[in-house]
Amino acid sequence: MRIAVTGSSGRVGQAVVTAALEAGHDLVLLDRRPVEGGAAGEFREVDLTQYAAVCEALAGCEVLVHLGGIPGPDQTDDVQVHDNNVLASYHALAGAVANRIPRVVQASSINAVGATWSRAPHFDHFPVDVGHPTRNEDGYSLSKWVAEQQADSLTRRHADLSVASLRFHSFVPDRETARRGAREQGEAWAARGLWGYTTAAMLTSACLAACRTDFTGHERLQVVAADTSVEEPSEVLRQRWYPDVPVRRPFVGREGFWDCSRTVELLGWHPEPQEEKA
């Protein structure tokens, strides 16, 4: 497939580009600047806040993987994060429609429902599934929720468009890095994100699976490890930090708090890299 990747020079973008190239895909790399040293694929310079430029850059592509944007609320002020990301996601989606690209995979976040960056995260039940209501508070988390609403809107209007919004968690190379980060940042911080993480292998396998899976409309899909980043049993963590949150099924060992069953069902995704074919 000829896949356009926005944010191709970023940390997540580079991981996806590497995996897609290894799988034999033909890539169009979209960003404000190329990655140092270059990468196999056609680089097209583009500012995602400029719609006409996005439309031009997407010409000739079959699938769009939209990863471009400011990756967190701590990068700059809330207004800039929100405005940049909301414009970028709508331009990417609308640009795909304009170029008759039938499938878009976009980077969302578990923070679309409100978690890590909220003053006091509130959850209705565990595990947290894709139907959980949002209580986001900051510009970044709001921008991810808005991107999902944009996908709902455009797939309603354009029956031939399908969008997968992949809700990633903290992006790390492996579980050991996640475990070390949880320890260094402190228990209270890890608890805000429900001790979740997403490895590079999990993220890239989900992205590539979403590129080749046929479905209609818009799907919100959580891509989070099946376990937590700490060693204590999950039920012990729940009782300590969220004793009043109802549990829909008993926790087993270090089972994660984020329900990824829809991702497994639709994409055949697993938290380990899967062999990909172009």
C-alpha atoms as a PDB file:
ATOM      1  CA  MET A   1       0.000   0.000   0.000  1.00  0.00           C
ATOM      2  CA  ARG A   2       1.003   3.612  -0.532  1.00  0.00           C
ATOM      3  CA  ILE A   3       0.613   5.046   2.957  1.00  0.00           C
ATOM      4  CA  ALA A   4       0.904   8.714   3.901  1.00  0.00           C
ATOM      5  CA  VAL A   5       2.234   9.268   7.430  1.00  0.00           C
ATOM      6  CA  THR A   6       1.850  12.684   9.027  1.00  0.00           C
ATOM      7  CA  GLY A   7       4.248  13.500  11.856  1.00  0.00           C
ATOM      8  CA  SER A   8       6.680  11.092  10.225  1.00  0.00           C
ATOM      9  CA  SER A   9       9.707  12.741  11.870  1.00  0.00           C
ATOM     10  CA  GLY A  10       8.351  12.436  15.415  1.00  0.00           C
ATOM     11  CA  ARG A  11       9.137   9.707  17.912  1.00  0.00           C
ATOM     12  CA  VAL A  12       5.924   7.779  17.243  1.00  0.00           C
ATOM     13  CA  GLY A  13       6.098   8.562  13.540  1.00  0.00           C
ATOM     14  CA  GLN A  14       9.578   7.133  13.187  1.00  0.00           C
ATOM     15  CA  ALA A  15       8.506   3.895  14.878  1.00  0.00           C
ATOM     16  CA  VAL A  16       5.544   3.525  12.528  1.00  0.00           C
ATOM     17  CA  VAL A  17       7.620   4.424   9.458  1.00  0.00           C
ATOM     18  CA  THR A  18      10.234   1.789  10.329  1.00  0.00           C
ATOM     19  CA  ALA A  19       7.604  -0.913  10.853  1.00  0.00           C
ATOM     20  CA  ALA A  20       5.720   0.007   7.667  1.00  0.00           C
ATOM     21  CA  LEU A  21       8.909  -0.087   5.588  1.00  0.00           C
ATOM     22  CA  GLU A  22       9.830  -3.478   7.037  1.00  0.00           C
ATOM     23  CA  ALA A  23       6.353  -4.684   6.046  1.00  0.00           C
ATOM     24  CA  GLY A  24       7.022  -3.599   2.453  1.00  0.00           C
ATOM     25  CA  HIS A  25       4.729  -0.590   2.214  1.00  0.00           C
ATOM     26  CA  ASP A  26       5.395   2.434  -0.010  1.00  0.00           C
ATOM     27  CA  LEU A  27       5.486   5.564   2.153  1.00  0.00           C
ATOM     28  CA  VAL A  28       4.858   9.270   1.727  1.00  0.00           C
ATOM     29  CA  LEU A  29       6.386  11.064   4.714  1.00  0.00           C
ATOM     30  CA  LEU A  30       4.600  14.260   5.745  1.00  0.00           C
ATOM     31  CA  ASP A  31       6.076  16.696   8.241  1.00  0.00           C
ATOM     32  CA  ARG A  32       7.517  20.183   8.588  1.00  0.00           C
ATOM     33  CA  ARG A  33      11.014  18.758   8.295  1.00  0.00           C
ATOM     34  CA  PRO A  34      12.515  15.361   7.445  1.00  0.00           C
ATOM     35  CA  VAL A  35      14.028  13.106  10.062  1.00  0.00           C
ATOM     36  CA  GLU A  36      17.795  13.468  10.453  1.00  0.00           C
ATOM     37  CA  GLY A  37      19.611  11.067   8.163  1.00  0.00           C
ATOM     38  CA  GLY A  38      16.538  10.655   6.005  1.00  0.00           C
ATOM     39  CA  ALA A  39      14.252   7.655   5.662  1.00  0.00           C
ATOM     40  CA  ALA A  40      13.131   5.481   2.788  1.00  0.00           C
ATOM     41  CA  GLY A  41      10.038   7.020   1.270  1.00  0.00           C
ATOM     42  CA  GLU A  42       9.027  10.238  -0.428  1.00  0.00           C
ATOM     43  CA  PHE A  43       9.236  13.222   1.914  1.00  0.00           C
ATOM     44  CA  ARG A  44       6.753  16.046   1.396  1.00  0.00           C
ATOM     45  CA  GLU A  45       7.059  19.139   3.560  1.00  0.00           C
ATOM     46  CA  VAL A  46       3.688  20.245   4.923  1.00  0.00           C
ATOM     47  CA  ASP A  47       2.184  22.385   7.668  1.00  0.00           C
ATOM     48  CA  LEU A  48      -0.922  20.532   8.858  1.00  0.00           C
ATOM     49  CA  THR A  49      -2.613  23.774   9.879  1.00  0.00           C
ATOM     50  CA  GLN A  50      -2.753  24.763   6.178  1.00  0.00           C
ATOM     51  CA  TYR A  51      -5.583  22.849   4.532  1.00  0.00           C
ATOM     52  CA  ALA A  52      -4.649  23.445   0.885  1.00  0.00           C
ATOM     53  CA  ALA A  53      -1.113  22.211   1.568  1.00  0.00           C
ATOM     54  CA  VAL A  54      -2.449  19.072   3.254  1.00  0.00           C
ATOM     55  CA  CYS A  55      -4.705  18.281   0.304  1.00  0.00           C
ATOM     56  CA  GLU A  56      -1.808  18.665  -2.100  1.00  0.00           C
ATOM     57  CA  ALA A  57       0.519  16.536   0.032  1.00  0.00           C
ATOM     58  CA  LEU A  58      -1.952  13.630   0.177  1.00  0.00           C
ATOM     59  CA  ALA A  59      -2.251  13.266  -3.595  1.00  0.00           C
ATOM     60  CA  GLY A  60      -1.750   9.716  -4.818  1.00  0.00           C
ATOM     61  CA  CYS A  61      -1.968   7.995  -1.417  1.00  0.00           C
ATOM     62  CA  GLU A  62      -4.174   5.006  -0.574  1.00  0.00           C
ATOM     63  CA  VAL A  63      -4.184   5.152   3.241  1.00  0.00           C
ATOM     64  CA  LEU A  64      -3.484   7.955   5.713  1.00  0.00           C
ATOM     65  CA  VAL A  65      -1.869   7.427   9.110  1.00  0.00           C
ATOM     66  CA  HIS A  66      -2.279  10.718  10.951  1.00  0.00           C
ATOM     67  CA  LEU A  67       0.258  11.037  13.778  1.00  0.00           C
ATOM     68  CA  GLY A  68       1.105  14.739  13.445  1.00  0.00           C
ATOM     69  CA  GLY A  69       0.410  17.127  16.301  1.00  0.00           C
ATOM     70  CA  ILE A  70       1.708  18.405  19.620  1.00  0.00           C
ATOM     71  CA  PRO A  71       2.066  15.213  21.712  1.00  0.00           C
ATOM     72  CA  GLY A  72       1.081  16.489  25.138  1.00  0.00           C
ATOM     73  CA  PRO A  73      -0.123  19.426  27.231  1.00  0.00           C
ATOM     74  CA  ASP A  74       3.326  20.049  28.674  1.00  0.00           C
ATOM     75  CA  GLN A  75       4.834  21.058  25.302  1.00  0.00           C
ATOM     76  CA  THR A  76       3.374  24.589  25.233  1.00  0.00           C
ATOM     77  CA  ASP A  77       0.258  26.405  26.460  1.00  0.00           C
ATOM     78  CA  ASP A  78      -3.187  24.794  26.319  1.00  0.00           C
ATOM     79  CA  VAL A  79      -4.571  27.088  23.641  1.00  0.00           C
ATOM     80  CA  GLN A  80      -1.756  26.412  21.189  1.00  0.00           C
ATOM     81  CA  VAL A  81      -1.886  22.663  21.789  1.00  0.00           C
ATOM     82  CA  HIS A  82      -5.641  22.575  21.285  1.00  0.00           C
ATOM     83  CA  ASP A  83      -5.721  24.830  18.226  1.00  0.00           C
ATOM     84  CA  ASN A  84      -2.825  23.102  16.464  1.00  0.00           C
ATOM     85  CA  ASN A  85      -4.116  19.580  17.044  1.00  0.00           C
ATOM     86  CA  VAL A  86      -7.748  20.288  16.228  1.00  0.00           C
ATOM     87  CA  LEU A  87      -6.873  22.007  12.952  1.00  0.00           C
ATOM     88  CA  ALA A  88      -4.381  19.281  12.038  1.00  0.00           C
ATOM     89  CA  SER A  89      -6.818  16.424  12.633  1.00  0.00           C
ATOM     90  CA  TYR A  90      -9.669  18.029  10.700  1.00  0.00           C
ATOM     91  CA  HIS A  91      -7.413  18.968   7.811  1.00  0.00           C
ATOM     92  CA  ALA A  92      -6.036  15.416   7.703  1.00  0.00           C
ATOM     93  CA  LEU A  93      -9.512  13.876   7.663  1.00  0.00           C
ATOM     94  CA  ALA A  94     -10.967  16.368   5.193  1.00  0.00           C
ATOM     95  CA  GLY A  95      -7.856  16.082   3.028  1.00  0.00           C
ATOM     96  CA  ALA A  96      -8.320  12.319   2.882  1.00  0.00           C
ATOM     97  CA  VAL A  97     -11.901  12.826   1.708  1.00  0.00           C
ATOM     98  CA  ALA A  98     -10.787  15.343  -0.921  1.00  0.00           C
ATOM     99  CA  ASN A  99      -8.237  12.859  -2.251  1.00  0.00           C
ATOM    100  CA  ARG A 100     -10.638   9.906  -2.143  1.00  0.00           C
ATOM    101  CA  ILE A 101      -8.501   8.112   0.433  1.00  0.00           C
ATOM    102  CA  PRO A 102     -10.924   5.579   1.933  1.00  0.00           C
ATOM    103  CA  ARG A 103      -9.107   4.733   5.134  1.00  0.00           C
ATOM    104  CA  VAL A 104      -7.571   6.877   7.883  1.00  0.00           C
ATOM    105  CA  VAL A 105      -5.780   5.728  11.013  1.00  0.00           C
ATOM    106  CA  GLN A 106      -5.378   8.577  13.494  1.00  0.00           C
ATOM    107  CA  ALA A 107      -3.539   8.819  16.804  1.00  0.00           C
ATOM    108  CA  SER A 108      -5.918   9.424  19.662  1.00  0.00           C
ATOM    109  CA  SER A 109      -5.182   8.922  23.350  1.00  0.00           C
ATOM    110  CA  ILE A 110      -6.648   7.331  26.449  1.00  0.00           C
ATOM    111  CA  ASN A 111      -6.718  10.932  27.677  1.00  0.00           C
ATOM    112  CA  ALA A 112      -9.655  11.577  25.352  1.00  0.00           C
ATOM    113  CA  VAL A 113     -11.777  10.421  28.303  1.00  0.00           C
ATOM    114  CA  GLY A 114      -9.734  12.415  30.829  1.00  0.00           C
ATOM    115  CA  ALA A 115      -7.034  10.726  32.876  1.00  0.00           C
ATOM    116  CA  THR A 116      -3.378  11.621  33.368  1.00  0.00           C
ATOM    117  CA  TRP A 117      -3.742  15.370  32.866  1.00  0.00           C
ATOM    118  CA  SER A 118      -6.943  15.840  34.881  1.00  0.00           C
ATOM    119  CA  ARG A 119      -6.894  17.405  38.349  1.00  0.00           C
ATOM    120  CA  ALA A 120      -8.598  14.366  39.854  1.00  0.00           C
ATOM    121  CA  PRO A 121      -9.445  11.681  37.274  1.00  0.00           C
ATOM    122  CA  HIS A 122     -12.914  10.182  37.670  1.00  0.00           C
ATOM    123  CA  PHE A 123     -13.886   6.791  36.264  1.00  0.00           C
ATOM    124  CA  ASP A 124     -17.368   5.265  36.115  1.00  0.00           C
ATOM    125  CA  HIS A 125     -16.192   1.654  36.054  1.00  0.00           C
ATOM    126  CA  PHE A 126     -13.232  -0.659  35.541  1.00  0.00           C
ATOM    127  CA  PRO A 127     -11.956  -1.704  33.147  1.00  0.00           C
ATOM    128  CA  VAL A 128     -12.355   1.503  31.132  1.00  0.00           C
ATOM    129  CA  ASP A 129     -13.843   0.704  27.727  1.00  0.00           C
ATOM    130  CA  VAL A 130     -14.261   2.782  24.571  1.00  0.00           C
ATOM    131  CA  GLY A 131     -17.794   3.741  25.563  1.00  0.00           C
ATOM    132  CA  HIS A 132     -16.695   5.436  28.781  1.00  0.00           C
ATOM    133  CA  PRO A 133     -17.848   9.085  28.929  1.00  0.00           C
ATOM    134  CA  THR A 134     -15.275  11.833  28.656  1.00  0.00           C
ATOM    135  CA  ARG A 135     -14.311  14.201  31.444  1.00  0.00           C
ATOM    136  CA  ASN A 136     -11.208  15.699  29.820  1.00  0.00           C
ATOM    137  CA  GLU A 137      -9.999  19.040  31.170  1.00  0.00           C
ATOM    138  CA  ASP A 138      -6.822  20.163  29.366  1.00  0.00           C
ATOM    139  CA  GLY A 139      -6.290  21.372  25.804  1.00  0.00           C
ATOM    140  CA  TYR A 140      -4.400  18.271  24.690  1.00  0.00           C
ATOM    141  CA  SER A 141      -6.945  15.750  25.972  1.00  0.00           C
ATOM    142  CA  LEU A 142      -9.768  17.869  24.584  1.00  0.00           C
ATOM    143  CA  SER A 143      -8.079  17.957  21.169  1.00  0.00           C
ATOM    144  CA  LYS A 144      -7.996  14.155  21.085  1.00  0.00           C
ATOM    145  CA  TRP A 145     -11.673  13.930  21.971  1.00  0.00           C
ATOM    146  CA  VAL A 146     -12.486  16.537  19.302  1.00  0.00           C
ATOM    147  CA  ALA A 147     -10.539  14.558  16.680  1.00  0.00           C
ATOM    148  CA  GLU A 148     -12.765  11.584  17.455  1.00  0.00           C
ATOM    149  CA  GLN A 149     -15.877  13.763  17.078  1.00  0.00           C
ATOM    150  CA  GLN A 150     -14.531  14.975  13.732  1.00  0.00           C
ATOM    151  CA  ALA A 151     -14.175  11.368  12.606  1.00  0.00           C
ATOM    152  CA  ASP A 152     -17.765  10.659  13.673  1.00  0.00           C
ATOM    153  CA  SER A 153     -18.955  13.643  11.654  1.00  0.00           C
ATOM    154  CA  LEU A 154     -17.041  12.924   8.457  1.00  0.00           C
ATOM    155  CA  THR A 155     -17.825   9.205   8.390  1.00  0.00           C
ATOM    156  CA  ARG A 156     -21.525  10.040   8.760  1.00  0.00           C
ATOM    157  CA  ARG A 157     -21.315  12.307   5.735  1.00  0.00           C
ATOM    158  CA  HIS A 158     -19.026  10.122   3.615  1.00  0.00           C
ATOM    159  CA  ALA A 159     -20.117   6.493   3.569  1.00  0.00           C
ATOM    160  CA  ASP A 160     -16.936   5.366   1.798  1.00  0.00           C
ATOM    161  CA  LEU A 161     -14.634   6.724   4.549  1.00  0.00           C
ATOM    162  CA  SER A 162     -13.470   4.586   7.468  1.00  0.00           C
ATOM    163  CA  VAL A 163     -11.472   5.971  10.390  1.00  0.00           C
ATOM    164  CA  ALA A 164      -9.723   4.134  13.215  1.00  0.00           C
ATOM    165  CA  SER A 165      -8.934   6.366  16.189  1.00  0.00           C
ATOM    166  CA  LEU A 166      -6.246   4.492  18.101  1.00  0.00           C
ATOM    167  CA  ARG A 167      -6.174   5.464  21.762  1.00  0.00           C
ATOM    168  CA  PHE A 168      -2.560   5.063  22.816  1.00  0.00           C
ATOM    169  CA  HIS A 169      -1.168   5.362  26.331  1.00  0.00           C
ATOM    170  CA  SER A 170       2.343   6.384  27.432  1.00  0.00           C
ATOM    171  CA  PHE A 171       4.598   5.445  24.508  1.00  0.00           C
ATOM    172  CA  VAL A 172       7.660   3.473  25.625  1.00  0.00           C
ATOM    173  CA  PRO A 173      10.082   1.019  23.997  1.00  0.00           C
ATOM    174  CA  ASP A 174       9.224  -1.802  26.417  1.00  0.00           C
ATOM    175  CA  ARG A 175       7.641  -2.667  29.762  1.00  0.00           C
ATOM    176  CA  GLU A 176      10.886  -2.201  31.686  1.00  0.00           C
ATOM    177  CA  THR A 177      10.952   1.451  30.583  1.00  0.00           C
ATOM    178  CA  ALA A 178       7.313   1.829  31.671  1.00  0.00           C
ATOM    179  CA  ARG A 179       8.065   0.198  35.028  1.00  0.00           C
ATOM    180  CA  ARG A 180      11.043   2.482  35.596  1.00  0.00           C
ATOM    181  CA  GLY A 181       9.019   5.550  34.608  1.00  0.00           C
ATOM    182  CA  ALA A 182       6.204   4.674  37.014  1.00  0.00           C
ATOM    183  CA  ARG A 183       8.723   4.319  39.822  1.00  0.00           C
ATOM    184  CA  GLU A 184      10.535   7.587  39.035  1.00  0.00           C
ATOM    185  CA  GLN A 185       7.375   9.674  38.549  1.00  0.00           C
ATOM    186  CA  GLY A 186       5.772   8.369  41.716  1.00  0.00           C
ATOM    187  CA  GLU A 187       2.762   6.270  42.588  1.00  0.00           C
ATOM    188  CA  ALA A 188       0.278   9.144  42.531  1.00  0.00           C
ATOM    189  CA  TRP A 189       1.263  10.070  38.971  1.00  0.00           C
ATOM    190  CA  ALA A 190       1.061   6.498  37.688  1.00  0.00           C
ATOM    191  CA  ALA A 191      -2.345   6.097  39.333  1.00  0.00           C
ATOM    192  CA  ARG A 192      -3.758   8.997  37.281  1.00  0.00           C
ATOM    193  CA  GLY A 193      -3.186   7.016  34.079  1.00  0.00           C
ATOM    194  CA  LEU A 194      -4.227   3.737  35.711  1.00  0.00           C
ATOM    195  CA  TRP A 195      -0.685   2.365  35.437  1.00  0.00           C
ATOM    196  CA  GLY A 196      -1.024   1.863  31.688  1.00  0.00           C
ATOM    197  CA  TYR A 197       1.524   1.988  28.869  1.00  0.00           C
ATOM    198  CA  THR A 198       1.890   1.247  25.156  1.00  0.00           C
ATOM    199  CA  THR A 199       5.104  -0.218  23.736  1.00  0.00           C
ATOM    200  CA  ALA A 200       6.455   0.533  20.289  1.00  0.00           C
ATOM    201  CA  ALA A 201       5.638  -3.018  19.160  1.00  0.00           C
ATOM    202  CA  MET A 202       2.034  -2.716  20.335  1.00  0.00           C
ATOM    203  CA  LEU A 203       1.573   0.671  18.702  1.00  0.00           C
ATOM    204  CA  THR A 204       3.080  -0.177  15.331  1.00  0.00           C
ATOM    205  CA  SER A 205       1.309  -3.524  15.028  1.00  0.00           C
ATOM    206  CA  ALA A 206      -2.032  -1.839  15.755  1.00  0.00           C
ATOM    207  CA  CYS A 207      -1.359   0.916  13.209  1.00  0.00           C
ATOM    208  CA  LEU A 208      -0.481  -1.520  10.439  1.00  0.00           C
ATOM    209  CA  ALA A 209      -3.383  -3.808  11.282  1.00  0.00           C
ATOM    210  CA  ALA A 210      -5.762  -0.838  11.106  1.00  0.00           C
ATOM    211  CA  CYS A 211      -4.343   0.085   7.690  1.00  0.00           C
ATOM    212  CA  ARG A 212      -5.394  -3.257   6.204  1.00  0.00           C
ATOM    213  CA  THR A 213      -8.596  -4.065   8.128  1.00  0.00           C
ATOM    214  CA  ASP A 214     -11.866  -3.451   6.308  1.00  0.00           C
ATOM    215  CA  PHE A 215     -14.673  -1.886   8.345  1.00  0.00           C
ATOM    216  CA  THR A 216     -17.184   0.906   7.920  1.00  0.00           C
ATOM    217  CA  GLY A 217     -17.539   4.169   9.792  1.00  0.00           C
ATOM    218  CA  HIS A 218     -15.478   5.273  12.773  1.00  0.00           C
ATOM    219  CA  GLU A 219     -14.000   2.993  15.419  1.00  0.00           C
ATOM    220  CA  ARG A 220     -12.403   4.040  18.702  1.00  0.00           C
ATOM    221  CA  LEU A 221      -9.786   1.422  19.553  1.00  0.00           C
ATOM    222  CA  GLN A 222      -7.683   1.325  22.709  1.00  0.00           C
ATOM    223  CA  VAL A 223      -4.080   0.179  22.326  1.00  0.00           C
ATOM    224  CA  VAL A 224      -2.749  -0.385  25.826  1.00  0.00           C
ATOM    225  CA  ALA A 225      -0.748  -3.189  27.421  1.00  0.00           C
ATOM    226  CA  ALA A 226      -2.734  -6.037  28.943  1.00  0.00           C
ATOM    227  CA  ASP A 227      -0.876  -5.588  32.246  1.00  0.00           C
ATOM    228  CA  THR A 228       0.153  -2.631  34.395  1.00  0.00           C
ATOM    229  CA  SER A 229       3.533  -0.972  34.759  1.00  0.00           C
ATOM    230  CA  VAL A 230       3.848  -1.930  38.442  1.00  0.00           C
ATOM    231  CA  GLU A 231       4.232  -5.193  40.327  1.00  0.00           C
ATOM    232  CA  GLU A 232       1.363  -4.969  42.811  1.00  0.00           C
ATOM    233  CA  PRO A 233      -1.900  -6.794  42.007  1.00  0.00           C
ATOM    234  CA  SER A 234      -4.421  -4.584  40.256  1.00  0.00           C
ATOM    235  CA  GLU A 235      -7.115  -5.177  42.861  1.00  0.00           C
ATOM    236  CA  VAL A 236      -4.760  -3.883  45.555  1.00  0.00           C
ATOM    237  CA  LEU A 237      -4.142  -0.758  43.464  1.00  0.00           C
ATOM    238  CA  ARG A 238      -7.849  -0.227  42.901  1.00  0.00           C
ATOM    239  CA  GLN A 239      -8.680  -0.512  46.581  1.00  0.00           C
ATOM    240  CA  ARG A 240      -5.943   1.965  47.458  1.00  0.00           C
ATOM    241  CA  TRP A 241      -6.623   4.615  44.824  1.00  0.00           C
ATOM    242  CA  TYR A 242     -10.159   4.065  43.460  1.00  0.00           C
ATOM    243  CA  PRO A 243     -12.090   2.109  46.102  1.00  0.00           C
ATOM    244  CA  ASP A 244     -15.473   3.518  45.040  1.00  0.00           C
ATOM    245  CA  VAL A 245     -15.203   2.688  41.332  1.00  0.00           C
ATOM    246  CA  PRO A 246     -17.339  -0.349  40.389  1.00  0.00           C
ATOM    247  CA  VAL A 247     -15.585  -3.332  38.824  1.00  0.00           C
ATOM    248  CA  ARG A 248     -17.320  -5.107  35.962  1.00  0.00           C
ATOM    249  CA  ARG A 249     -15.192  -8.211  36.380  1.00  0.00           C
ATOM    250  CA  PRO A 250     -12.637  -9.250  38.996  1.00  0.00           C
ATOM    251  CA  PHE A 251      -9.034  -8.282  38.302  1.00  0.00           C
ATOM    252  CA  VAL A 252      -6.612 -11.147  37.785  1.00  0.00           C
ATOM    253  CA  GLY A 253      -3.049 -10.471  38.926  1.00  0.00           C
ATOM    254  CA  ARG A 254      -1.579  -7.386  37.256  1.00  0.00           C
ATOM    255  CA  GLU A 255      -4.356  -7.145  34.678  1.00  0.00           C
ATOM    256  CA  GLY A 256      -4.624  -3.730  33.056  1.00  0.00           C
ATOM    257  CA  PHE A 257      -7.390  -1.201  33.714  1.00  0.00           C
ATOM    258  CA  TRP A 258      -8.035  -0.413  30.016  1.00  0.00           C
ATOM    259  CA  ASP A 259     -10.356  -2.659  28.011  1.00  0.00           C
ATOM    260  CA  CYS A 260      -8.863  -3.369  24.558  1.00  0.00           C
ATOM    261  CA  SER A 261     -11.271  -6.149  23.607  1.00  0.00           C
ATOM    262  CA  ARG A 262     -12.723  -4.198  20.668  1.00  0.00           C
ATOM    263  CA  THR A 263      -9.216  -3.709  19.262  1.00  0.00           C
ATOM    264  CA  VAL A 264      -8.523  -7.424  19.523  1.00  0.00           C
ATOM    265  CA  GLU A 265     -11.890  -8.273  17.969  1.00  0.00           C
ATOM    266  CA  LEU A 266     -11.698  -5.883  15.016  1.00  0.00           C
ATOM    267  CA  LEU A 267      -7.981  -5.827  14.205  1.00  0.00           C
ATOM    268  CA  GLY A 268      -6.855  -9.228  15.456  1.00  0.00           C
ATOM    269  CA  TRP A 269      -4.369  -7.169  17.444  1.00  0.00           C
ATOM    270  CA  HIS A 270      -2.177  -8.524  20.224  1.00  0.00           C
ATOM    271  CA  PRO A 271       0.347  -6.727  22.455  1.00  0.00           C
ATOM    272  CA  GLU A 272       3.238  -8.284  20.569  1.00  0.00           C
ATOM    273  CA  PRO A 273       4.404  -7.422  17.016  1.00  0.00           C
ATOM    274  CA  GLN A 274       2.653  -9.423  14.316  1.00  0.00           C
ATOM    275  CA  GLU A 275       4.086 -10.321  10.939  1.00  0.00           C
ATOM    276  CA  GLU A 276       2.889  -7.784   8.385  1.00  0.00           C
ATOM    277  CA  LYS A 277       2.514  -8.066   4.644  1.00  0.00           C
ATOM    278  CA  ALA A 278       2.149  -5.240   2.155  1.00  0.00           C
END
